[in-house]
N, C-alpha and C. Protein backbone atom coordinates (compact mmCIF):
# COMPACT_ATOMS: atom_id res chain seq x y z
N THR A 1 39.46 34.35 -14.94
CA THR A 1 39.74 33.23 -14.73
C THR A 1 41.10 32.99 -15.06
N LEU A 2 41.31 33.02 -16.28
CA LEU A 2 43.03 32.74 -16.54
C LEU A 2 44.02 33.56 -15.78
N GLN A 3 43.41 35.04 -15.89
CA GLN A 3 44.33 35.74 -14.96
C GLN A 3 44.83 35.59 -13.87
N LYS A 4 43.48 35.00 -12.94
CA LYS A 4 43.71 34.40 -11.26
C LYS A 4 44.53 33.21 -11.52
N ARG A 5 44.29 32.51 -12.39
CA ARG A 5 45.20 31.26 -12.20
C ARG A 5 46.59 31.33 -12.86
N ALA A 6 46.93 31.89 -13.26
CA ALA A 6 48.43 32.32 -13.77
C ALA A 6 48.97 33.29 -13.00
N ARG A 7 48.08 33.83 -11.99
CA ARG A 7 48.89 34.37 -11.13
C ARG A 7 48.99 33.70 -9.90
N LYS A 8 48.08 32.59 -9.73
CA LYS A 8 48.45 31.37 -8.61
C LYS A 8 49.48 30.86 -9.13
N PHE A 9 49.92 30.46 -10.64
CA PHE A 9 51.03 29.75 -11.08
C PHE A 9 52.18 30.21 -10.71
N THR A 10 52.15 32.03 -11.01
CA THR A 10 53.62 32.43 -10.57
C THR A 10 53.88 32.85 -9.49
N GLU A 11 52.79 33.21 -8.89
CA GLU A 11 53.14 33.86 -7.53
C GLU A 11 53.24 32.82 -6.35
N LYS A 12 52.37 31.18 -6.55
CA LYS A 12 52.63 30.24 -5.40
C LYS A 12 52.97 28.70 -6.24
N ILE A 13 52.42 28.59 -6.84
CA ILE A 13 52.66 27.29 -7.78
C ILE A 13 54.26 27.12 -7.94
N PHE A 14 54.32 28.00 -8.89
CA PHE A 14 55.81 27.56 -9.23
C PHE A 14 57.36 28.10 -8.02
N PRO A 15 57.02 29.42 -7.53
CA PRO A 15 57.46 29.40 -6.43
C PRO A 15 57.78 28.28 -5.28
N THR A 16 56.78 27.95 -5.24
CA THR A 16 56.80 26.54 -4.46
C THR A 16 57.49 25.39 -4.79
N PHE A 17 57.36 24.92 -5.97
CA PHE A 17 58.24 23.78 -6.85
C PHE A 17 59.45 24.16 -6.39
N LEU A 18 59.99 25.58 -7.11
CA LEU A 18 61.44 26.01 -6.97
C LEU A 18 61.95 25.80 -5.69
N THR A 19 61.35 25.98 -4.51
CA THR A 19 61.66 26.77 -3.29
C THR A 19 62.12 24.84 -2.81
N ARG A 20 60.98 24.36 -3.28
CA ARG A 20 61.30 22.83 -2.65
C ARG A 20 62.30 21.87 -3.59
N GLU A 21 62.58 22.19 -4.90
CA GLU A 21 63.61 21.60 -5.28
C GLU A 21 64.90 22.11 -4.70
N ALA A 22 64.86 23.33 -4.49
CA ALA A 22 66.57 24.35 -3.68
C ALA A 22 66.57 23.41 -2.78
N ALA A 23 65.69 22.81 -1.91
CA ALA A 23 65.82 22.27 -0.42
C ALA A 23 66.34 20.90 -0.43
N ILE A 24 65.69 20.10 -1.63
CA ILE A 24 66.05 18.56 -1.98
C ILE A 24 67.15 18.62 -2.37
N LEU A 25 67.80 19.47 -3.42
CA LEU A 25 68.96 19.49 -4.03
C LEU A 25 70.12 19.79 -2.53
N MET A 26 69.54 20.64 -1.67
CA MET A 26 70.92 20.40 -0.50
C MET A 26 70.74 19.72 0.32
N ILE A 27 69.69 18.59 0.67
CA ILE A 27 69.47 17.76 1.10
C ILE A 27 70.12 16.60 0.45
N LEU A 28 70.33 16.84 -0.51
CA LEU A 28 71.21 15.71 -1.24
C LEU A 28 72.49 16.02 -1.61
N GLN A 29 73.04 17.53 -1.08
CA GLN A 29 74.49 17.46 -1.19
C GLN A 29 74.86 17.28 0.18
N GLU A 30 73.65 17.59 1.31
CA GLU A 30 74.28 17.49 2.59
C GLU A 30 74.50 15.76 3.20
N HIS A 31 73.65 14.92 2.19
CA HIS A 31 73.72 13.71 2.62
C HIS A 31 74.41 12.46 1.72
N LEU A 32 74.55 12.64 0.33
CA LEU A 32 74.64 11.73 -0.55
C LEU A 32 76.17 12.09 -0.34
N PRO A 33 76.85 10.37 -0.29
CA PRO A 33 78.36 10.58 -0.07
C PRO A 33 78.94 10.38 -1.80
N ALA A 34 79.94 10.60 -1.68
CA ALA A 34 80.92 10.47 -3.11
C ALA A 34 80.92 8.68 -3.34
N PRO A 35 80.62 8.45 -4.71
CA PRO A 35 80.93 9.35 -5.66
C PRO A 35 79.07 9.33 -6.48
N TYR A 36 78.38 9.56 -5.52
CA TYR A 36 76.88 10.00 -5.83
C TYR A 36 76.39 11.78 -5.77
N ASP A 37 77.39 12.17 -5.20
CA ASP A 37 76.99 13.35 -4.89
C ASP A 37 77.32 14.12 -6.54
N LYS A 38 78.11 13.57 -6.95
CA LYS A 38 78.47 13.82 -8.45
C LYS A 38 77.43 13.69 -9.53
N ARG A 39 76.51 12.98 -9.17
CA ARG A 39 75.65 12.55 -10.29
C ARG A 39 73.90 13.03 -10.14
N VAL A 40 73.91 14.21 -9.37
CA VAL A 40 73.04 15.03 -9.00
C VAL A 40 73.00 16.70 -9.01
N PRO A 41 72.28 17.43 -9.70
CA PRO A 41 72.61 18.64 -9.53
C PRO A 41 72.99 19.11 -8.26
N ARG A 42 73.85 20.36 -8.12
CA ARG A 42 74.38 20.64 -6.78
C ARG A 42 74.17 22.70 -6.87
N VAL A 43 73.30 23.16 -5.78
CA VAL A 43 72.75 24.43 -5.74
C VAL A 43 74.30 25.29 -5.44
N ILE A 44 74.30 25.83 -6.56
CA ILE A 44 75.43 27.11 -6.36
C ILE A 44 75.26 28.51 -5.76
N ASP A 45 74.00 28.66 -5.63
CA ASP A 45 73.44 30.36 -5.42
C ASP A 45 71.78 30.06 -5.46
N LEU A 46 71.59 30.51 -4.72
CA LEU A 46 69.97 31.17 -5.01
C LEU A 46 69.54 32.50 -4.33
N GLU A 47 68.47 32.89 -4.95
CA GLU A 47 67.62 34.23 -4.14
C GLU A 47 66.16 34.04 -3.67
N LYS A 48 65.95 34.58 -2.60
CA LYS A 48 64.68 34.31 -2.09
C LYS A 48 63.88 35.80 -1.64
N ASP A 49 62.32 35.75 -2.15
CA ASP A 49 61.93 37.01 -1.44
C ASP A 49 61.04 37.01 -0.60
N ASP A 50 60.69 37.81 -0.27
CA ASP A 50 60.37 38.40 0.79
C ASP A 50 59.62 36.95 1.75
N ARG A 51 58.71 36.91 1.46
CA ARG A 51 57.84 35.24 1.55
C ARG A 51 58.84 34.14 1.84
N GLY A 52 60.29 34.61 1.70
CA GLY A 52 61.07 32.73 1.84
C GLY A 52 60.92 32.00 0.56
N PHE A 53 60.08 32.47 -0.28
CA PHE A 53 59.95 31.39 -1.75
C PHE A 53 61.29 31.79 -2.55
N VAL A 54 61.72 30.75 -3.03
CA VAL A 54 63.16 30.82 -4.03
C VAL A 54 62.66 31.67 -4.94
N ARG A 55 63.43 32.69 -5.93
CA ARG A 55 62.89 33.08 -6.86
C ARG A 55 64.21 33.09 -7.83
N LYS A 56 65.22 32.72 -7.88
CA LYS A 56 66.25 32.61 -8.56
C LYS A 56 67.10 31.55 -7.80
N LEU A 57 67.28 30.53 -8.72
CA LEU A 57 68.32 29.33 -8.54
C LEU A 57 69.05 29.01 -9.52
N LYS A 58 70.52 29.16 -9.01
CA LYS A 58 71.66 28.97 -9.90
C LYS A 58 72.40 27.01 -9.66
N MET A 59 72.57 26.65 -10.25
CA MET A 59 72.87 24.93 -10.25
C MET A 59 73.85 24.48 -11.19
N ASN A 60 74.56 23.72 -10.76
CA ASN A 60 75.37 23.19 -12.00
C ASN A 60 74.57 22.12 -12.76
N TRP A 61 75.10 22.48 -13.73
CA TRP A 61 74.01 21.98 -14.96
C TRP A 61 74.51 20.21 -15.38
N LEU A 62 73.90 19.41 -15.06
CA LEU A 62 74.54 17.81 -15.54
C LEU A 62 74.20 17.88 -16.83
N ARG A 63 75.56 17.77 -17.65
CA ARG A 63 75.10 17.51 -19.45
C ARG A 63 75.82 16.31 -19.88
N ASN A 64 74.98 15.33 -20.55
CA ASN A 64 75.43 14.45 -21.36
C ASN A 64 77.05 14.22 -22.09
N ALA A 65 77.44 13.46 -21.53
CA ALA A 65 79.13 13.51 -21.72
C ALA A 65 79.74 12.02 -21.78
N GLY A 66 80.90 11.65 -21.98
CA GLY A 66 81.69 10.56 -21.65
C GLY A 66 81.00 9.40 -22.42
N ALA A 67 82.02 8.54 -22.15
CA ALA A 67 81.43 6.92 -23.01
C ALA A 67 79.88 6.32 -22.89
N PRO A 68 79.77 5.83 -24.01
CA PRO A 68 78.25 5.18 -23.97
C PRO A 68 78.30 3.89 -22.98
N LEU A 69 77.27 3.52 -22.44
CA LEU A 69 77.12 2.75 -21.47
C LEU A 69 76.59 1.43 -21.86
N PRO A 70 76.94 0.19 -21.78
CA PRO A 70 76.27 -0.86 -22.14
C PRO A 70 74.74 -0.79 -21.52
N GLN A 71 73.54 -1.04 -21.70
CA GLN A 71 72.48 -1.14 -21.13
C GLN A 71 72.30 -1.92 -19.94
N ILE A 72 72.97 -2.88 -19.73
CA ILE A 72 72.98 -3.63 -18.27
C ILE A 72 73.68 -2.38 -17.52
N GLU A 73 74.61 -1.65 -17.65
CA GLU A 73 75.42 -0.77 -16.62
C GLU A 73 74.73 0.11 -16.67
N PHE A 74 74.05 0.80 -17.74
CA PHE A 74 72.81 2.19 -17.16
C PHE A 74 72.22 1.58 -15.96
N ALA A 75 71.00 0.39 -16.38
CA ALA A 75 70.60 -0.50 -15.40
C ALA A 75 70.82 -0.19 -13.97
N ARG A 76 72.02 -0.82 -14.04
CA ARG A 76 72.75 -0.91 -12.59
C ARG A 76 73.44 0.09 -11.76
N GLN A 77 73.45 1.09 -12.63
CA GLN A 77 73.98 2.41 -11.70
C GLN A 77 72.81 3.41 -11.66
N SER A 78 72.10 3.25 -12.59
CA SER A 78 70.56 3.95 -12.07
C SER A 78 69.86 3.32 -10.78
N ALA A 79 70.04 1.82 -10.60
CA ALA A 79 69.07 1.58 -9.78
C ALA A 79 69.96 1.77 -8.61
N ASP A 80 71.53 1.61 -8.26
CA ASP A 80 72.13 1.93 -7.23
C ASP A 80 72.42 3.30 -7.07
N LEU A 81 72.01 4.29 -7.91
CA LEU A 81 72.16 6.02 -7.74
C LEU A 81 70.29 5.62 -6.94
N LEU A 82 69.50 5.49 -6.90
CA LEU A 82 68.05 5.54 -6.38
C LEU A 82 68.33 4.88 -5.25
N ARG A 83 68.79 3.83 -5.38
CA ARG A 83 69.21 3.40 -3.84
C ARG A 83 69.76 4.29 -2.97
N ALA A 84 71.06 4.82 -3.46
CA ALA A 84 71.05 6.14 -2.50
C ALA A 84 70.30 7.02 -2.01
N ILE A 85 69.90 7.94 -3.30
CA ILE A 85 69.00 8.62 -3.29
C ILE A 85 67.72 8.53 -1.80
N HIS A 86 67.05 7.34 -1.90
CA HIS A 86 66.10 6.74 -0.95
C HIS A 86 66.64 6.64 0.50
N ASP A 87 67.46 5.56 0.52
CA ASP A 87 68.31 4.71 1.55
C ASP A 87 69.39 6.02 2.22
N ILE A 88 70.01 6.40 1.65
CA ILE A 88 70.95 7.27 2.40
C ILE A 88 70.32 8.89 2.31
N ALA A 89 69.96 9.53 1.34
CA ALA A 89 69.41 10.71 1.51
C ALA A 89 68.15 11.33 2.00
N GLY A 90 67.44 9.83 1.84
CA GLY A 90 65.88 10.29 1.92
C GLY A 90 65.02 10.91 1.18
N VAL A 91 64.81 11.09 0.10
CA VAL A 91 64.55 11.68 -0.83
C VAL A 91 63.81 10.57 -2.08
N ILE A 92 62.48 10.82 -2.46
CA ILE A 92 61.88 9.93 -3.27
C ILE A 92 61.31 10.90 -4.51
N HIS A 93 62.08 10.76 -5.69
CA HIS A 93 62.46 11.51 -6.87
C HIS A 93 61.00 11.43 -7.39
N LEU A 94 60.00 11.09 -7.81
CA LEU A 94 58.68 10.51 -8.26
C LEU A 94 58.58 11.25 -9.78
N ASP A 95 59.65 11.19 -10.58
CA ASP A 95 59.21 11.99 -12.07
C ASP A 95 60.48 11.51 -12.79
N LEU A 96 60.69 9.74 -12.41
CA LEU A 96 61.89 9.58 -13.22
C LEU A 96 61.69 8.84 -14.73
N ARG A 97 60.98 10.06 -15.31
CA ARG A 97 60.90 9.95 -17.02
C ARG A 97 62.57 9.68 -17.43
N LEU A 98 62.80 9.71 -18.61
CA LEU A 98 64.15 9.50 -19.32
C LEU A 98 64.83 10.66 -19.40
N ASP A 99 63.54 11.49 -19.67
CA ASP A 99 64.20 13.00 -20.04
C ASP A 99 64.79 13.81 -18.56
N ASN A 100 64.78 13.08 -17.53
CA ASN A 100 65.08 13.19 -16.00
C ASN A 100 66.35 12.63 -15.83
N PHE A 101 67.10 11.60 -16.91
CA PHE A 101 68.25 10.83 -16.51
C PHE A 101 69.40 11.74 -17.24
N VAL A 102 70.54 11.59 -17.11
CA VAL A 102 71.69 12.07 -17.97
C VAL A 102 72.88 10.97 -17.80
N ILE A 103 73.76 10.87 -18.76
CA ILE A 103 75.00 9.76 -18.60
C ILE A 103 75.81 11.21 -18.47
N THR A 104 76.86 11.12 -17.47
CA THR A 104 77.71 11.85 -17.06
C THR A 104 79.06 11.51 -17.30
N GLN A 105 80.39 12.22 -17.29
CA GLN A 105 81.47 11.40 -16.68
C GLN A 105 81.61 10.77 -16.00
N ASN A 106 80.72 10.97 -14.74
CA ASN A 106 80.95 10.50 -13.49
C ASN A 106 79.99 9.15 -13.38
N GLY A 107 79.18 8.84 -14.39
CA GLY A 107 78.09 7.93 -14.82
C GLY A 107 76.31 8.42 -14.37
N VAL A 108 75.79 7.43 -14.39
CA VAL A 108 74.09 7.58 -14.59
C VAL A 108 74.09 8.84 -13.51
N GLY A 109 73.24 10.17 -13.53
CA GLY A 109 72.55 10.71 -13.04
C GLY A 109 71.05 11.12 -13.59
N PHE A 110 70.67 11.94 -12.02
CA PHE A 110 69.32 12.08 -12.25
C PHE A 110 68.86 13.83 -12.02
N VAL A 111 68.06 14.38 -12.66
CA VAL A 111 68.18 15.62 -12.70
C VAL A 111 66.50 15.91 -12.58
N ASP A 112 65.84 17.33 -11.76
CA ASP A 112 64.70 17.67 -11.57
C ASP A 112 64.04 17.19 -10.65
N PHE A 113 64.41 17.64 -9.32
CA PHE A 113 63.76 17.29 -8.74
C PHE A 113 62.66 17.97 -7.86
N GLY A 114 62.15 19.10 -8.85
CA GLY A 114 61.00 19.60 -8.20
C GLY A 114 60.13 19.13 -7.89
N SER A 115 59.68 17.86 -8.44
CA SER A 115 58.19 17.29 -7.91
C SER A 115 58.70 16.36 -6.63
N SER A 116 59.88 16.43 -6.05
CA SER A 116 60.49 15.46 -4.96
C SER A 116 59.90 15.50 -3.77
N VAL A 117 59.93 14.46 -2.63
CA VAL A 117 59.59 14.56 -1.45
C VAL A 117 60.75 13.67 -0.56
N ARG A 118 60.47 14.20 0.60
CA ARG A 118 61.47 13.05 1.49
C ARG A 118 60.49 12.59 1.82
N VAL A 119 61.56 11.27 2.40
CA VAL A 119 60.92 9.62 3.00
C VAL A 119 60.20 10.53 3.89
N ASN A 120 58.82 9.94 4.17
CA ASN A 120 57.89 10.09 5.45
C ASN A 120 57.61 11.67 5.47
N GLU A 121 57.69 12.20 4.44
CA GLU A 121 57.37 13.42 4.55
C GLU A 121 55.86 13.97 4.71
N ASN A 122 55.13 14.63 5.62
CA ASN A 122 53.62 14.39 5.63
C ASN A 122 53.12 15.67 4.71
N ILE A 123 52.70 15.79 3.76
CA ILE A 123 52.36 16.80 2.79
C ILE A 123 51.04 17.69 3.16
N ALA A 124 49.98 16.43 3.93
CA ALA A 124 48.69 16.80 4.57
C ALA A 124 48.97 17.84 5.53
N ASP A 125 50.28 18.45 5.91
CA ASP A 125 50.02 19.46 6.58
C ASP A 125 50.29 20.73 5.85
N ASN A 126 50.58 20.94 5.00
CA ASN A 126 50.32 21.89 4.05
C ASN A 126 49.21 21.91 2.99
N PRO A 127 48.10 22.47 3.30
CA PRO A 127 47.26 22.55 1.95
C PRO A 127 47.42 22.47 1.08
N LEU A 128 48.29 23.88 0.37
CA LEU A 128 48.77 23.79 -0.64
C LEU A 128 49.47 22.69 -1.37
N LEU A 129 50.80 22.21 -0.72
CA LEU A 129 50.99 21.05 -1.10
C LEU A 129 50.42 20.11 -0.97
N HIS A 130 49.42 19.90 -0.07
CA HIS A 130 48.36 18.79 -0.22
C HIS A 130 47.56 18.85 -1.50
N ASN A 131 47.26 19.55 -2.04
CA ASN A 131 46.37 20.14 -3.21
C ASN A 131 47.08 19.85 -4.42
N LEU A 132 48.56 20.42 -4.67
CA LEU A 132 49.48 20.20 -5.62
C LEU A 132 50.01 18.81 -5.74
N PHE A 133 50.17 17.80 -4.53
CA PHE A 133 50.76 16.61 -4.85
C PHE A 133 49.63 15.65 -5.11
N ASP A 134 48.56 15.68 -4.76
CA ASP A 134 47.08 15.01 -4.75
C ASP A 134 46.68 15.52 -6.21
N GLU A 135 47.28 16.32 -6.90
CA GLU A 135 46.53 16.67 -8.73
C GLU A 135 47.81 15.62 -8.77
N LEU A 136 49.25 15.83 -8.37
CA LEU A 136 50.15 15.33 -9.30
C LEU A 136 49.91 13.66 -9.45
N MET A 137 49.51 13.12 -8.04
CA MET A 137 49.26 11.90 -8.04
C MET A 137 47.93 11.34 -8.97
N ARG A 138 46.97 12.32 -9.01
CA ARG A 138 46.12 11.73 -10.23
C ARG A 138 45.91 11.78 -11.74
N THR A 139 47.03 12.70 -11.84
CA THR A 139 47.06 13.57 -13.40
C THR A 139 48.77 12.50 -14.16
N SER A 140 49.49 12.48 -13.01
CA SER A 140 51.06 12.12 -13.68
C SER A 140 51.01 10.62 -14.61
N GLN A 141 51.92 11.07 -15.59
CA GLN A 141 52.12 9.71 -16.61
C GLN A 141 52.58 8.62 -15.97
N ILE A 142 53.37 8.93 -15.04
CA ILE A 142 53.91 7.39 -13.91
C ILE A 142 52.23 6.99 -13.21
N GLN A 143 51.71 7.75 -12.88
CA GLN A 143 50.60 7.05 -12.32
C GLN A 143 49.49 6.22 -12.93
N GLN A 144 49.13 7.06 -13.94
CA GLN A 144 48.42 6.20 -15.02
C GLN A 144 48.87 5.45 -15.69
N MET A 145 50.42 5.07 -15.53
CA MET A 145 50.42 3.83 -16.22
C MET A 145 50.65 2.81 -15.10
N LEU A 146 51.07 3.26 -13.72
CA LEU A 146 50.99 2.09 -12.90
C LEU A 146 49.68 1.55 -12.62
N SER A 147 48.50 2.70 -13.01
CA SER A 147 47.31 2.04 -12.75
C SER A 147 46.91 1.36 -13.97
N LYS A 148 47.11 1.56 -15.19
CA LYS A 148 46.96 0.58 -16.39
C LYS A 148 47.60 -0.81 -15.86
N MET A 149 49.01 -0.81 -16.08
CA MET A 149 49.77 -2.02 -15.80
C MET A 149 49.57 -2.43 -14.62
N THR A 150 49.02 -2.56 -13.49
CA THR A 150 48.45 -3.12 -12.34
C THR A 150 46.84 -3.84 -12.84
N LYS A 151 45.91 -2.95 -13.25
CA LYS A 151 45.06 -3.43 -13.97
C LYS A 151 45.04 -4.30 -14.76
N SER A 152 45.79 -4.65 -15.73
CA SER A 152 45.82 -5.80 -16.57
C SER A 152 46.84 -6.57 -16.47
N GLY A 153 47.18 -6.70 -15.34
CA GLY A 153 48.17 -7.72 -14.66
C GLY A 153 49.47 -7.77 -14.54
N GLU A 154 49.82 -6.71 -15.68
CA GLU A 154 51.39 -6.49 -15.57
C GLU A 154 52.00 -6.48 -14.72
N VAL A 155 51.51 -5.73 -13.59
CA VAL A 155 52.45 -5.46 -12.34
C VAL A 155 51.69 -6.66 -11.47
N THR A 156 52.67 -7.36 -10.82
CA THR A 156 52.08 -8.17 -10.31
C THR A 156 52.74 -8.22 -8.75
N SER A 157 53.72 -7.33 -8.28
CA SER A 157 54.17 -6.78 -7.15
C SER A 157 53.28 -5.71 -6.06
N ALA A 158 53.07 -6.51 -4.79
CA ALA A 158 52.04 -5.79 -4.20
C ALA A 158 53.00 -4.53 -3.76
N VAL A 159 54.29 -4.54 -3.59
CA VAL A 159 54.63 -3.35 -3.26
C VAL A 159 54.86 -2.42 -4.08
N ILE A 160 54.83 -2.56 -5.19
CA ILE A 160 54.77 -1.48 -6.16
C ILE A 160 53.18 -1.08 -6.52
N SER A 161 52.22 -2.07 -6.08
CA SER A 161 51.09 -1.43 -6.50
C SER A 161 50.38 -0.59 -5.56
N ARG A 162 50.96 -1.02 -4.05
CA ARG A 162 50.61 -0.12 -2.89
C ARG A 162 51.01 1.32 -3.40
N GLY A 163 51.86 1.49 -4.10
CA GLY A 163 52.35 2.99 -4.31
C GLY A 163 51.65 4.05 -5.23
N TYR A 164 50.29 3.37 -6.09
CA TYR A 164 49.56 4.08 -6.59
C TYR A 164 48.84 5.03 -5.68
N GLN A 165 49.18 6.16 -6.45
CA GLN A 165 48.31 7.31 -5.98
C GLN A 165 49.22 7.79 -4.49
N LYS A 166 50.29 7.44 -4.45
CA LYS A 166 51.03 7.70 -3.22
C LYS A 166 52.87 8.26 -3.71
N ALA A 167 52.98 9.39 -2.85
CA ALA A 167 54.58 9.20 -2.95
C ALA A 167 55.36 8.45 -2.48
N ASP A 168 55.86 7.36 -3.22
CA ASP A 168 56.07 6.31 -2.37
C ASP A 168 57.44 5.89 -2.96
N LYS A 169 58.11 5.58 -2.34
CA LYS A 169 59.71 4.73 -3.03
C LYS A 169 58.97 3.57 -4.49
N ALA A 170 58.03 3.17 -4.06
CA ALA A 170 57.87 1.89 -5.00
C ALA A 170 57.60 2.69 -6.63
N VAL A 171 57.14 4.05 -6.46
CA VAL A 171 56.39 4.62 -7.80
C VAL A 171 58.06 4.98 -8.63
N ASP A 172 58.90 5.40 -7.76
CA ASP A 172 60.29 5.43 -8.55
C ASP A 172 60.72 4.03 -8.61
N LEU A 173 60.96 2.80 -8.26
CA LEU A 173 61.03 1.80 -8.61
C LEU A 173 60.39 1.43 -9.53
N PHE A 174 59.37 1.37 -9.63
CA PHE A 174 58.27 1.23 -11.27
C PHE A 174 58.57 2.03 -11.88
N TYR A 175 59.05 3.06 -11.99
CA TYR A 175 59.06 3.76 -13.84
C TYR A 175 60.46 3.51 -13.96
N LEU A 176 61.35 3.42 -12.80
CA LEU A 176 62.93 3.01 -13.20
C LEU A 176 63.11 2.07 -13.98
N ALA A 177 61.92 0.63 -13.39
CA ALA A 177 62.11 -0.58 -14.03
C ALA A 177 61.73 -0.02 -15.63
N LEU A 178 60.84 0.35 -15.99
CA LEU A 178 59.92 0.44 -16.99
C LEU A 178 61.56 1.38 -18.07
N GLN A 179 61.95 2.31 -17.57
CA GLN A 179 62.87 2.99 -18.37
C GLN A 179 64.13 1.93 -18.87
N PHE A 180 64.37 1.29 -18.30
CA PHE A 180 65.81 -0.06 -18.72
C PHE A 180 65.05 -0.72 -19.79
N ASN A 181 63.92 -0.58 -20.12
CA ASN A 181 63.21 -1.61 -21.48
C ASN A 181 62.64 -0.73 -22.23
N SER A 182 63.09 0.92 -22.29
CA SER A 182 63.06 1.95 -23.35
C SER A 182 64.05 2.56 -23.34
N THR A 183 65.36 2.42 -23.04
CA THR A 183 66.46 3.24 -23.03
C THR A 183 66.71 3.95 -24.50
N HIS A 184 65.95 3.60 -25.44
CA HIS A 184 66.45 3.87 -27.09
C HIS A 184 64.94 5.15 -27.07
N ALA A 185 64.57 5.25 -26.07
CA ALA A 185 62.91 6.36 -26.46
C ALA A 185 63.31 7.56 -26.10
N ASN A 186 64.66 7.74 -25.97
CA ASN A 186 65.18 9.45 -25.32
C ASN A 186 65.87 9.68 -26.54
N PRO A 187 66.19 10.40 -27.56
CA PRO A 187 66.53 10.78 -28.68
C PRO A 187 68.20 11.14 -27.65
N ASP A 188 68.18 12.27 -26.87
CA ASP A 188 69.28 12.71 -26.42
C ASP A 188 70.33 11.69 -25.74
N LEU A 189 69.95 10.53 -25.12
CA LEU A 189 70.57 9.27 -24.49
C LEU A 189 70.82 8.22 -25.47
N ALA A 190 70.21 8.27 -26.48
CA ALA A 190 70.01 7.07 -27.62
C ALA A 190 71.46 6.54 -27.49
N SER A 191 72.78 7.55 -27.94
CA SER A 191 73.81 7.82 -28.39
C SER A 191 74.83 7.25 -27.19
N PHE A 192 74.26 7.17 -26.11
CA PHE A 192 75.05 6.96 -25.08
C PHE A 192 74.36 5.67 -23.82
N ILE A 193 73.62 5.15 -24.73
CA ILE A 193 73.40 3.56 -24.14
C ILE A 193 73.05 2.86 -25.12
N LEU A 194 74.11 2.38 -24.92
CA LEU A 194 74.34 0.82 -25.95
C LEU A 194 73.23 -0.05 -26.13
N TYR A 195 72.46 -0.07 -26.55
CA TYR A 195 70.70 -0.55 -26.89
C TYR A 195 71.13 -1.72 -27.76
N ASP A 196 70.83 -3.04 -27.53
CA ASP A 196 70.97 -3.87 -28.80
C ASP A 196 69.45 -5.07 -28.31
N PRO A 197 68.57 -4.68 -28.90
CA PRO A 197 67.09 -5.62 -28.96
C PRO A 197 67.35 -6.83 -29.04
N GLN A 198 68.27 -7.40 -29.39
CA GLN A 198 68.45 -9.01 -29.09
C GLN A 198 69.09 -9.20 -28.62
N SER A 199 69.72 -8.58 -27.63
CA SER A 199 70.32 -8.94 -26.74
C SER A 199 69.45 -9.96 -25.37
N GLU A 200 70.37 -10.70 -24.78
CA GLU A 200 69.79 -11.14 -23.36
C GLU A 200 69.13 -10.01 -22.47
């Protein structure tokens, strides 16, 4: 059983997500205008296997660099980048944890688009993708938190609540808002975001 699952992961699941990430990054490259295009990774080269799956992906790696940003500027730049990714490039990230943020010399950037989808993408047409994203929607930390905060009354927006267990822009918006309040939680970003718990 373990060997079967490991084989499925290495032969189907990982190549599927890597192939999707490469495709999403190329969509971002094609559609994001300057200066947003410098705030997401860019595909440099890739190799595919005989089935068309990406097996090797080379991309520019965004690193934390530059002057620290005030927390409000971090929030403003993040929201603006998300708007561009959603409305110009037509991509939904679905994993906007602080681990997937960088503060670059060009501003706040996002990385790790492996679980991203295109706006209005019909995942149900592909049984493997449908099963993978169905499991992702049930088990992701973001979805669990959205459920918990909706049930407790902390999330009052019907727009955001409707994103529960869906690949929806509202999921990105919800989790981005949570990151604004906990920017100090990621030690890699702590020195790049000026966080004052006493500030307005």
